[in-house]
Amino acid sequence: LDLSFSGLTSYAPLISNFMRTEALNHRYAYGTPINPGRLVFKLSEKAQIKTHRVSKRPYGVGCLIAGVDDAGPHIYETNPDGNFYEFYAHAIGAR
């Protein structure tokens, strides 16, 4: 798995720790590596919940996540509002 961040990068450690913990929990429970699509979905769910609560502030970071599973390589982009997309090739950031 590979992660790239764009935006308020102070959220990067929080997001990477969440993804690392989810991947380790999946490996411990099932004995296999987690599917990148499932991990991106869990991250998007976590980000989307932040947009519903008045007391919570949404993450101000977009993520570009690359992973490999049995079907081949995948590239995903997540947005601060909780949406995620799969691409064949993609770039993120201002430049």
PDB file of N, CA and C in Angstrom:
ATOM      1  N   LEU A   1       0.847  -1.170   0.000  1.00  0.00           N
ATOM      2  CA  LEU A   1       0.000   0.000   0.000  1.00  0.00           C
ATOM      3  C   LEU A   1       0.890   1.230   0.000  1.00  0.00           C
ATOM      4  N   ASP A   2       0.477   2.229  -0.741  1.00  0.00           N
ATOM      5  CA  ASP A   2       1.215   3.477  -0.807  1.00  0.00           C
ATOM      6  C   ASP A   2       0.230   4.619  -0.595  1.00  0.00           C
ATOM      7  N   LEU A   3       0.616   5.615   0.214  1.00  0.00           N
ATOM      8  CA  LEU A   3      -0.248   6.749   0.528  1.00  0.00           C
ATOM      9  C   LEU A   3       0.419   8.047   0.113  1.00  0.00           C
ATOM     10  N   SER A   4      -0.367   8.951  -0.455  1.00  0.00           N
ATOM     11  CA  SER A   4       0.068  10.326  -0.733  1.00  0.00           C
ATOM     12  C   SER A   4      -1.024  11.247  -0.222  1.00  0.00           C
ATOM     13  N   PHE A   5      -0.625  12.383   0.335  1.00  0.00           N
ATOM     14  CA  PHE A   5      -1.580  13.311   0.920  1.00  0.00           C
ATOM     15  C   PHE A   5      -1.459  14.679   0.261  1.00  0.00           C
ATOM     16  N   SER A   6      -2.589  15.374   0.179  1.00  0.00           N
ATOM     17  CA  SER A   6      -2.618  16.739  -0.320  1.00  0.00           C
ATOM     18  C   SER A   6      -3.626  17.516   0.521  1.00  0.00           C
ATOM     19  N   GLY A   7      -3.236  18.691   0.957  1.00  0.00           N
ATOM     20  CA  GLY A   7      -4.124  19.513   1.779  1.00  0.00           C
ATOM     21  C   GLY A   7      -3.489  19.773   3.130  1.00  0.00           C
ATOM     22  N   LEU A   8      -4.294  19.720   4.168  1.00  0.00           N
ATOM     23  CA  LEU A   8      -3.790  19.912   5.527  1.00  0.00           C
ATOM     24  C   LEU A   8      -3.106  18.633   5.984  1.00  0.00           C
ATOM     25  N   THR A   9      -1.811  18.587   5.796  1.00  0.00           N
ATOM     26  CA  THR A   9      -1.080  17.344   6.042  1.00  0.00           C
ATOM     27  C   THR A   9      -0.940  17.017   7.524  1.00  0.00           C
ATOM     28  N   SER A  10      -1.449  17.871   8.398  1.00  0.00           N
ATOM     29  CA  SER A  10      -1.423  17.527   9.823  1.00  0.00           C
ATOM     30  C   SER A  10      -2.351  16.345  10.112  1.00  0.00           C
ATOM     31  N   TYR A  11      -3.281  16.045   9.202  1.00  0.00           N
ATOM     32  CA  TYR A  11      -4.157  14.886   9.352  1.00  0.00           C
ATOM     33  C   TYR A  11      -3.496  13.605   8.853  1.00  0.00           C
ATOM     34  N   ALA A  12      -2.373  13.702   8.203  1.00  0.00           N
ATOM     35  CA  ALA A  12      -1.721  12.530   7.613  1.00  0.00           C
ATOM     36  C   ALA A  12      -1.376  11.456   8.648  1.00  0.00           C
ATOM     37  N   PRO A  13      -0.777  11.790   9.792  1.00  0.00           N
ATOM     38  CA  PRO A  13      -0.489  10.727  10.770  1.00  0.00           C
ATOM     39  C   PRO A  13      -1.744  10.051  11.295  1.00  0.00           C
ATOM     40  N   LEU A  14      -2.810  10.808  11.493  1.00  0.00           N
ATOM     41  CA  LEU A  14      -4.061  10.240  11.977  1.00  0.00           C
ATOM     42  C   LEU A  14      -4.624   9.232  10.973  1.00  0.00           C
ATOM     43  N   ILE A  15      -4.618   9.602   9.699  1.00  0.00           N
ATOM     44  CA  ILE A  15      -5.165   8.725   8.663  1.00  0.00           C
ATOM     45  C   ILE A  15      -4.272   7.507   8.449  1.00  0.00           C
ATOM     46  N   SER A  16      -2.971   7.706   8.421  1.00  0.00           N
ATOM     47  CA  SER A  16      -2.082   6.558   8.200  1.00  0.00           C
ATOM     48  C   SER A  16      -2.126   5.591   9.380  1.00  0.00           C
ATOM     49  N   ASN A  17      -2.237   6.096  10.601  1.00  0.00           N
ATOM     50  CA  ASN A  17      -2.358   5.209  11.761  1.00  0.00           C
ATOM     51  C   ASN A  17      -3.674   4.432  11.723  1.00  0.00           C
ATOM     52  N   PHE A  18      -4.773   5.088  11.317  1.00  0.00           N
ATOM     53  CA  PHE A  18      -6.056   4.399  11.194  1.00  0.00           C
ATOM     54  C   PHE A  18      -5.954   3.276  10.170  1.00  0.00           C
ATOM     55  N   MET A  19      -5.370   3.563   9.015  1.00  0.00           N
ATOM     56  CA  MET A  19      -5.263   2.551   7.964  1.00  0.00           C
ATOM     57  C   MET A  19      -4.350   1.402   8.391  1.00  0.00           C
ATOM     58  N   ARG A  20      -3.261   1.721   9.069  1.00  0.00           N
ATOM     59  CA  ARG A  20      -2.346   0.686   9.549  1.00  0.00           C
ATOM     60  C   ARG A  20      -3.042  -0.221  10.563  1.00  0.00           C
ATOM     61  N   THR A  21      -3.801   0.378  11.480  1.00  0.00           N
ATOM     62  CA  THR A  21      -4.517  -0.393  12.489  1.00  0.00           C
ATOM     63  C   THR A  21      -5.572  -1.295  11.861  1.00  0.00           C
ATOM     64  N   GLU A  22      -6.319  -0.771  10.896  1.00  0.00           N
ATOM     65  CA  GLU A  22      -7.332  -1.584  10.219  1.00  0.00           C
ATOM     66  C   GLU A  22      -6.692  -2.752   9.463  1.00  0.00           C
ATOM     67  N   ALA A  23      -5.572  -2.499   8.809  1.00  0.00           N
ATOM     68  CA  ALA A  23      -4.887  -3.567   8.076  1.00  0.00           C
ATOM     69  C   ALA A  23      -4.364  -4.644   9.037  1.00  0.00           C
ATOM     70  N   LEU A  24      -3.812  -4.230  10.168  1.00  0.00           N
ATOM     71  CA  LEU A  24      -3.312  -5.201  11.150  1.00  0.00           C
ATOM     72  C   LEU A  24      -4.452  -5.991  11.783  1.00  0.00           C
ATOM     73  N   ASN A  25      -5.569  -5.327  12.078  1.00  0.00           N
ATOM     74  CA  ASN A  25      -6.721  -6.028  12.645  1.00  0.00           C
ATOM     75  C   ASN A  25      -7.269  -7.069  11.659  1.00  0.00           C
ATOM     76  N   HIS A  26      -7.310  -6.722  10.390  1.00  0.00           N
ATOM     77  CA  HIS A  26      -7.796  -7.665   9.381  1.00  0.00           C
ATOM     78  C   HIS A  26      -6.857  -8.859   9.265  1.00  0.00           C
ATOM     79  N   ARG A  27      -5.562  -8.602   9.262  1.00  0.00           N
ATOM     80  CA  ARG A  27      -4.594  -9.707   9.166  1.00  0.00           C
ATOM     81  C   ARG A  27      -4.681 -10.607  10.394  1.00  0.00           C
ATOM     82  N   TYR A  28      -4.871 -10.005  11.567  1.00  0.00           N
ATOM     83  CA  TYR A  28      -4.978 -10.799  12.795  1.00  0.00           C
ATOM     84  C   TYR A  28      -6.254 -11.638  12.790  1.00  0.00           C
ATOM     85  N   ALA A  29      -7.374 -11.053  12.356  1.00  0.00           N
ATOM     86  CA  ALA A  29      -8.664 -11.756  12.392  1.00  0.00           C
ATOM     87  C   ALA A  29      -8.795 -12.811  11.303  1.00  0.00           C
ATOM     88  N   TYR A  30      -8.322 -12.518  10.090  1.00  0.00           N
ATOM     89  CA  TYR A  30      -8.562 -13.399   8.959  1.00  0.00           C
ATOM     90  C   TYR A  30      -7.313 -14.088   8.422  1.00  0.00           C
ATOM     91  N   GLY A  31      -6.140 -13.621   8.809  1.00  0.00           N
ATOM     92  CA  GLY A  31      -4.904 -14.251   8.355  1.00  0.00           C
ATOM     93  C   GLY A  31      -4.502 -13.908   6.931  1.00  0.00           C
ATOM     94  N   THR A  32      -5.177 -12.939   6.320  1.00  0.00           N
ATOM     95  CA  THR A  32      -4.845 -12.518   4.957  1.00  0.00           C
ATOM     96  C   THR A  32      -4.713 -11.000   4.922  1.00  0.00           C
ATOM     97  N   PRO A  33      -3.975 -10.465   3.950  1.00  0.00           N
ATOM     98  CA  PRO A  33      -3.895  -9.005   3.837  1.00  0.00           C
ATOM     99  C   PRO A  33      -5.243  -8.419   3.416  1.00  0.00           C
ATOM    100  N   ILE A  34      -5.492  -7.194   3.839  1.00  0.00           N
ATOM    101  CA  ILE A  34      -6.758  -6.542   3.536  1.00  0.00           C
ATOM    102  C   ILE A  34      -6.785  -6.084   2.078  1.00  0.00           C
ATOM    103  N   ASN A  35      -7.944  -6.162   1.481  1.00  0.00           N
ATOM    104  CA  ASN A  35      -8.151  -5.672   0.120  1.00  0.00           C
ATOM    105  C   ASN A  35      -8.050  -4.143   0.137  1.00  0.00           C
ATOM    106  N   PRO A  36      -7.291  -3.519  -0.770  1.00  0.00           N
ATOM    107  CA  PRO A  36      -7.160  -2.057  -0.760  1.00  0.00           C
ATOM    108  C   PRO A  36      -8.499  -1.336  -0.885  1.00  0.00           C
ATOM    109  N   GLY A  37      -9.428  -1.879  -1.665  1.00  0.00           N
ATOM    110  CA  GLY A  37     -10.737  -1.259  -1.815  1.00  0.00           C
ATOM    111  C   GLY A  37     -11.515  -1.230  -0.513  1.00  0.00           C
ATOM    112  N   ARG A  38     -11.425  -2.295   0.263  1.00  0.00           N
ATOM    113  CA  ARG A  38     -12.104  -2.346   1.558  1.00  0.00           C
ATOM    114  C   ARG A  38     -11.501  -1.332   2.527  1.00  0.00           C
ATOM    115  N   LEU A  39     -10.188  -1.207   2.512  1.00  0.00           N
ATOM    116  CA  LEU A  39      -9.514  -0.253   3.397  1.00  0.00           C
ATOM    117  C   LEU A  39      -9.876   1.182   3.036  1.00  0.00           C
ATOM    118  N   VAL A  40      -9.932   1.489   1.748  1.00  0.00           N
ATOM    119  CA  VAL A  40     -10.322   2.827   1.302  1.00  0.00           C
ATOM    120  C   VAL A  40     -11.774   3.097   1.683  1.00  0.00           C
ATOM    121  N   PHE A  41     -12.634   2.092   1.573  1.00  0.00           N
ATOM    122  CA  PHE A  41     -14.036   2.252   1.960  1.00  0.00           C
ATOM    123  C   PHE A  41     -14.159   2.582   3.444  1.00  0.00           C
ATOM    124  N   LYS A  42     -13.378   1.892   4.291  1.00  0.00           N
ATOM    125  CA  LYS A  42     -13.417   2.170   5.734  1.00  0.00           C
ATOM    126  C   LYS A  42     -12.933   3.581   6.033  1.00  0.00           C
ATOM    127  N   LEU A  43     -11.891   4.025   5.334  1.00  0.00           N
ATOM    128  CA  LEU A  43     -11.401   5.394   5.522  1.00  0.00           C
ATOM    129  C   LEU A  43     -12.450   6.406   5.085  1.00  0.00           C
ATOM    130  N   SER A  44     -13.124   6.145   3.987  1.00  0.00           N
ATOM    131  CA  SER A  44     -14.156   7.054   3.505  1.00  0.00           C
ATOM    132  C   SER A  44     -15.346   7.110   4.448  1.00  0.00           C
ATOM    133  N   GLU A  45     -15.706   5.973   5.039  1.00  0.00           N
ATOM    134  CA  GLU A  45     -16.772   5.970   6.032  1.00  0.00           C
ATOM    135  C   GLU A  45     -16.404   6.834   7.230  1.00  0.00           C
ATOM    136  N   LYS A  46     -15.169   6.705   7.683  1.00  0.00           N
ATOM    137  CA  LYS A  46     -14.705   7.497   8.827  1.00  0.00           C
ATOM    138  C   LYS A  46     -14.721   8.990   8.494  1.00  0.00           C
ATOM    139  N   ALA A  47     -14.300   9.358   7.294  1.00  0.00           N
ATOM    140  CA  ALA A  47     -14.287  10.762   6.893  1.00  0.00           C
ATOM    141  C   ALA A  47     -15.699  11.299   6.707  1.00  0.00           C
ATOM    142  N   GLN A  48     -16.596  10.473   6.203  1.00  0.00           N
ATOM    143  CA  GLN A  48     -17.956  10.921   5.933  1.00  0.00           C
ATOM    144  C   GLN A  48     -18.741  11.155   7.215  1.00  0.00           C
ATOM    145  N   ILE A  49     -18.484  10.376   8.247  1.00  0.00           N
ATOM    146  CA  ILE A  49     -19.155  10.570   9.539  1.00  0.00           C
ATOM    147  C   ILE A  49     -18.816  11.941  10.104  1.00  0.00           C
ATOM    148  N   LYS A  50     -17.599  12.412   9.862  1.00  0.00           N
ATOM    149  CA  LYS A  50     -17.183  13.731  10.364  1.00  0.00           C
ATOM    150  C   LYS A  50     -18.014  14.860   9.762  1.00  0.00           C
ATOM    151  N   THR A  51     -18.595  14.646   8.583  1.00  0.00           N
ATOM    152  CA  THR A  51     -19.391  15.705   7.957  1.00  0.00           C
ATOM    153  C   THR A  51     -20.804  15.777   8.530  1.00  0.00           C
ATOM    154  N   HIS A  52     -21.233  14.763   9.285  1.00  0.00           N
ATOM    155  CA  HIS A  52     -22.586  14.735   9.839  1.00  0.00           C
ATOM    156  C   HIS A  52     -22.676  15.298  11.251  1.00  0.00           C
ATOM    157  N   ARG A  53     -21.585  15.319  11.952  1.00  0.00           N
ATOM    158  CA  ARG A  53     -21.599  15.755  13.344  1.00  0.00           C
ATOM    159  C   ARG A  53     -21.258  17.232  13.428  1.00  0.00           C
ATOM    160  N   VAL A  54     -22.012  17.945  14.229  1.00  0.00           N
ATOM    161  CA  VAL A  54     -21.780  19.385  14.391  1.00  0.00           C
ATOM    162  C   VAL A  54     -20.479  19.637  15.138  1.00  0.00           C
ATOM    163  N   SER A  55     -20.167  18.775  16.097  1.00  0.00           N
ATOM    164  CA  SER A  55     -18.988  18.987  16.933  1.00  0.00           C
ATOM    165  C   SER A  55     -17.691  18.527  16.273  1.00  0.00           C
ATOM    166  N   LYS A  56     -17.758  17.897  15.122  1.00  0.00           N
ATOM    167  CA  LYS A  56     -16.566  17.371  14.450  1.00  0.00           C
ATOM    168  C   LYS A  56     -16.247  18.184  13.207  1.00  0.00           C
ATOM    169  N   ARG A  57     -14.965  18.305  12.926  1.00  0.00           N
ATOM    170  CA  ARG A  57     -14.529  19.007  11.725  1.00  0.00           C
ATOM    171  C   ARG A  57     -14.059  17.973  10.702  1.00  0.00           C
ATOM    172  N   PRO A  58     -14.482  18.094   9.436  1.00  0.00           N
ATOM    173  CA  PRO A  58     -14.045  17.117   8.427  1.00  0.00           C
ATOM    174  C   PRO A  58     -12.532  17.181   8.216  1.00  0.00           C
ATOM    175  N   TYR A  59     -11.985  16.067   7.787  1.00  0.00           N
ATOM    176  CA  TYR A  59     -10.565  16.035   7.450  1.00  0.00           C
ATOM    177  C   TYR A  59     -10.329  16.964   6.267  1.00  0.00           C
ATOM    178  N   GLY A  60      -9.287  17.742   6.334  1.00  0.00           N
ATOM    179  CA  GLY A  60      -8.969  18.660   5.247  1.00  0.00           C
ATOM    180  C   GLY A  60      -7.874  18.122   4.351  1.00  0.00           C
ATOM    181  N   VAL A  61      -7.897  16.849   4.098  1.00  0.00           N
ATOM    182  CA  VAL A  61      -6.828  16.234   3.311  1.00  0.00           C
ATOM    183  C   VAL A  61      -7.430  15.272   2.288  1.00  0.00           C
ATOM    184  N   GLY A  62      -6.861  15.294   1.107  1.00  0.00           N
ATOM    185  CA  GLY A  62      -7.196  14.314   0.089  1.00  0.00           C
ATOM    186  C   GLY A  62      -6.098  13.275   0.042  1.00  0.00           C
ATOM    187  N   CYS A  63      -6.462  12.033  -0.173  1.00  0.00           N
ATOM    188  CA  CYS A  63      -5.481  10.942  -0.175  1.00  0.00           C
ATOM    189  C   CYS A  63      -5.471  10.264  -1.537  1.00  0.00           C
ATOM    190  N   LEU A  64      -4.304   9.895  -1.955  1.00  0.00           N
ATOM    191  CA  LEU A  64      -4.119   9.063  -3.133  1.00  0.00           C
ATOM    192  C   LEU A  64      -3.525   7.757  -2.630  1.00  0.00           C
ATOM    193  N   ILE A  65      -4.254   6.673  -2.819  1.00  0.00           N
ATOM    194  CA  ILE A  65      -3.878   5.385  -2.244  1.00  0.00           C
ATOM    195  C   ILE A  65      -3.705   4.378  -3.368  1.00  0.00           C
ATOM    196  N   ALA A  66      -2.561   3.727  -3.403  1.00  0.00           N
ATOM    197  CA  ALA A  66      -2.268   2.699  -4.398  1.00  0.00           C
ATOM    198  C   ALA A  66      -2.071   1.372  -3.678  1.00  0.00           C
ATOM    199  N   GLY A  67      -2.672   0.329  -4.216  1.00  0.00           N
ATOM    200  CA  GLY A  67      -2.536  -0.989  -3.612  1.00  0.00           C
ATOM    201  C   GLY A  67      -2.663  -2.075  -4.658  1.00  0.00           C
ATOM    202  N   VAL A  68      -2.267  -3.280  -4.276  1.00  0.00           N
ATOM    203  CA  VAL A  68      -2.308  -4.429  -5.175  1.00  0.00           C
ATOM    204  C   VAL A  68      -3.053  -5.558  -4.473  1.00  0.00           C
ATOM    205  N   ASP A  69      -3.942  -6.219  -5.220  1.00  0.00           N
ATOM    206  CA  ASP A  69      -4.601  -7.419  -4.721  1.00  0.00           C
ATOM    207  C   ASP A  69      -4.576  -8.484  -5.817  1.00  0.00           C
ATOM    208  N   ASP A  70      -5.404  -9.505  -5.686  1.00  0.00           N
ATOM    209  CA  ASP A  70      -5.413 -10.597  -6.667  1.00  0.00           C
ATOM    210  C   ASP A  70      -5.837 -10.142  -8.056  1.00  0.00           C
ATOM    211  N   ALA A  71      -6.646  -9.083  -8.119  1.00  0.00           N
ATOM    212  CA  ALA A  71      -7.122  -8.583  -9.420  1.00  0.00           C
ATOM    213  C   ALA A  71      -6.115  -7.658 -10.096  1.00  0.00           C
ATOM    214  N   GLY A  72      -5.061  -7.257  -9.398  1.00  0.00           N
ATOM    215  CA  GLY A  72      -4.049  -6.385  -9.971  1.00  0.00           C
ATOM    216  C   GLY A  72      -3.924  -5.081  -9.207  1.00  0.00           C
ATOM    217  N   PRO A  73      -3.236  -4.101  -9.803  1.00  0.00           N
ATOM    218  CA  PRO A  73      -3.029  -2.826  -9.106  1.00  0.00           C
ATOM    219  C   PRO A  73      -4.284  -1.943  -9.153  1.00  0.00           C
ATOM    220  N   HIS A  74      -4.451  -1.134  -8.106  1.00  0.00           N
ATOM    221  CA  HIS A  74      -5.578  -0.210  -8.000  1.00  0.00           C
ATOM    222  C   HIS A  74      -5.083   1.130  -7.470  1.00  0.00           C
ATOM    223  N   ILE A  75      -5.674   2.213  -7.962  1.00  0.00           N
ATOM    224  CA  ILE A  75      -5.381   3.553  -7.457  1.00  0.00           C
ATOM    225  C   ILE A  75      -6.703   4.187  -7.043  1.00  0.00           C
ATOM    226  N   TYR A  76      -6.755   4.691  -5.818  1.00  0.00           N
ATOM    227  CA  TYR A  76      -7.950   5.319  -5.281  1.00  0.00           C
ATOM    228  C   TYR A  76      -7.637   6.743  -4.838  1.00  0.00           C
ATOM    229  N   GLU A  77      -8.628   7.603  -4.962  1.00  0.00           N
ATOM    230  CA  GLU A  77      -8.537   8.953  -4.414  1.00  0.00           C
ATOM    231  C   GLU A  77      -9.678   9.120  -3.421  1.00  0.00           C
ATOM    232  N   THR A  78      -9.372   9.645  -2.233  1.00  0.00           N
ATOM    233  CA  THR A  78     -10.406   9.973  -1.262  1.00  0.00           C
ATOM    234  C   THR A  78     -10.449  11.483  -1.096  1.00  0.00           C
ATOM    235  N   ASN A  79     -11.638  11.993  -0.846  1.00  0.00           N
ATOM    236  CA  ASN A  79     -11.849  13.421  -0.643  1.00  0.00           C
ATOM    237  C   ASN A  79     -12.210  13.679   0.815  1.00  0.00           C
ATOM    238  N   PRO A  80     -12.070  14.934   1.267  1.00  0.00           N
ATOM    239  CA  PRO A  80     -12.422  15.234   2.656  1.00  0.00           C
ATOM    240  C   PRO A  80     -13.895  15.001   2.981  1.00  0.00           C
ATOM    241  N   ASP A  81     -14.761  15.003   1.971  1.00  0.00           N
ATOM    242  CA  ASP A  81     -16.186  14.805   2.245  1.00  0.00           C
ATOM    243  C   ASP A  81     -16.583  13.335   2.324  1.00  0.00           C
ATOM    244  N   GLY A  82     -15.663  12.423   2.124  1.00  0.00           N
ATOM    245  CA  GLY A  82     -15.943  11.007   2.278  1.00  0.00           C
ATOM    246  C   GLY A  82     -16.134  10.260   0.970  1.00  0.00           C
ATOM    247  N   ASN A  83     -16.082  10.928  -0.159  1.00  0.00           N
ATOM    248  CA  ASN A  83     -16.183  10.243  -1.449  1.00  0.00           C
ATOM    249  C   ASN A  83     -14.854   9.606  -1.814  1.00  0.00           C
ATOM    250  N   PHE A  84     -14.907   8.481  -2.509  1.00  0.00           N
ATOM    251  CA  PHE A  84     -13.679   7.880  -3.029  1.00  0.00           C
ATOM    252  C   PHE A  84     -13.927   7.388  -4.442  1.00  0.00           C
ATOM    253  N   TYR A  85     -12.880   7.405  -5.241  1.00  0.00           N
ATOM    254  CA  TYR A  85     -12.950   7.033  -6.653  1.00  0.00           C
ATOM    255  C   TYR A  85     -11.776   6.132  -6.991  1.00  0.00           C
ATOM    256  N   GLU A  86     -11.987   5.224  -7.938  1.00  0.00           N
ATOM    257  CA  GLU A  86     -10.898   4.379  -8.432  1.00  0.00           C
ATOM    258  C   GLU A  86     -10.492   4.866  -9.812  1.00  0.00           C
ATOM    259  N   PHE A  87      -9.186   4.925 -10.052  1.00  0.00           N
ATOM    260  CA  PHE A  87      -8.661   5.418 -11.312  1.00  0.00           C
ATOM    261  C   PHE A  87      -7.638   4.445 -11.888  1.00  0.00           C
ATOM    262  N   TYR A  88      -7.353   4.613 -13.173  1.00  0.00           N
ATOM    263  CA  TYR A  88      -6.249   3.897 -13.806  1.00  0.00           C
ATOM    264  C   TYR A  88      -4.942   4.634 -13.586  1.00  0.00           C
ATOM    265  N   ALA A  89      -5.002   5.967 -13.631  1.00  0.00           N
ATOM    266  CA  ALA A  89      -3.850   6.833 -13.361  1.00  0.00           C
ATOM    267  C   ALA A  89      -4.401   8.145 -12.829  1.00  0.00           C
ATOM    268  N   HIS A  90      -3.702   8.752 -11.893  1.00  0.00           N
ATOM    269  CA  HIS A  90      -4.222   9.972 -11.298  1.00  0.00           C
ATOM    270  C   HIS A  90      -3.099  10.715 -10.587  1.00  0.00           C
ATOM    271  N   ALA A  91      -3.248  12.027 -10.490  1.00  0.00           N
ATOM    272  CA  ALA A  91      -2.328  12.884  -9.729  1.00  0.00           C
ATOM    273  C   ALA A  91      -3.178  13.706  -8.758  1.00  0.00           C
ATOM    274  N   ILE A  92      -2.556  14.113  -7.668  1.00  0.00           N
ATOM    275  CA  ILE A  92      -3.277  14.870  -6.651  1.00  0.00           C
ATOM    276  C   ILE A  92      -2.400  16.028  -6.219  1.00  0.00           C
ATOM    277  N   GLY A  93      -3.006  17.149  -5.871  1.00  0.00           N
ATOM    278  CA  GLY A  93      -2.259  18.294  -5.382  1.00  0.00           C
ATOM    279  C   GLY A  93      -2.417  19.497  -6.296  1.00  0.00           C
ATOM    280  N   ALA A  94      -1.725  20.567  -5.935  1.00  0.00           N
ATOM    281  CA  ALA A  94      -1.851  21.830  -6.657  1.00  0.00           C
ATOM    282  C   ALA A  94      -1.081  21.833  -7.970  1.00  0.00           C
ATOM    283  N   ARG A  95       0.009  21.112  -8.045  1.00  0.00           N
ATOM    284  CA  ARG A  95       0.835  21.169  -9.253  1.00  0.00           C
ATOM    285  C   ARG A  95       0.872  19.860  -9.961  1.00  0.00           C
TER     286      ARG A  95
END
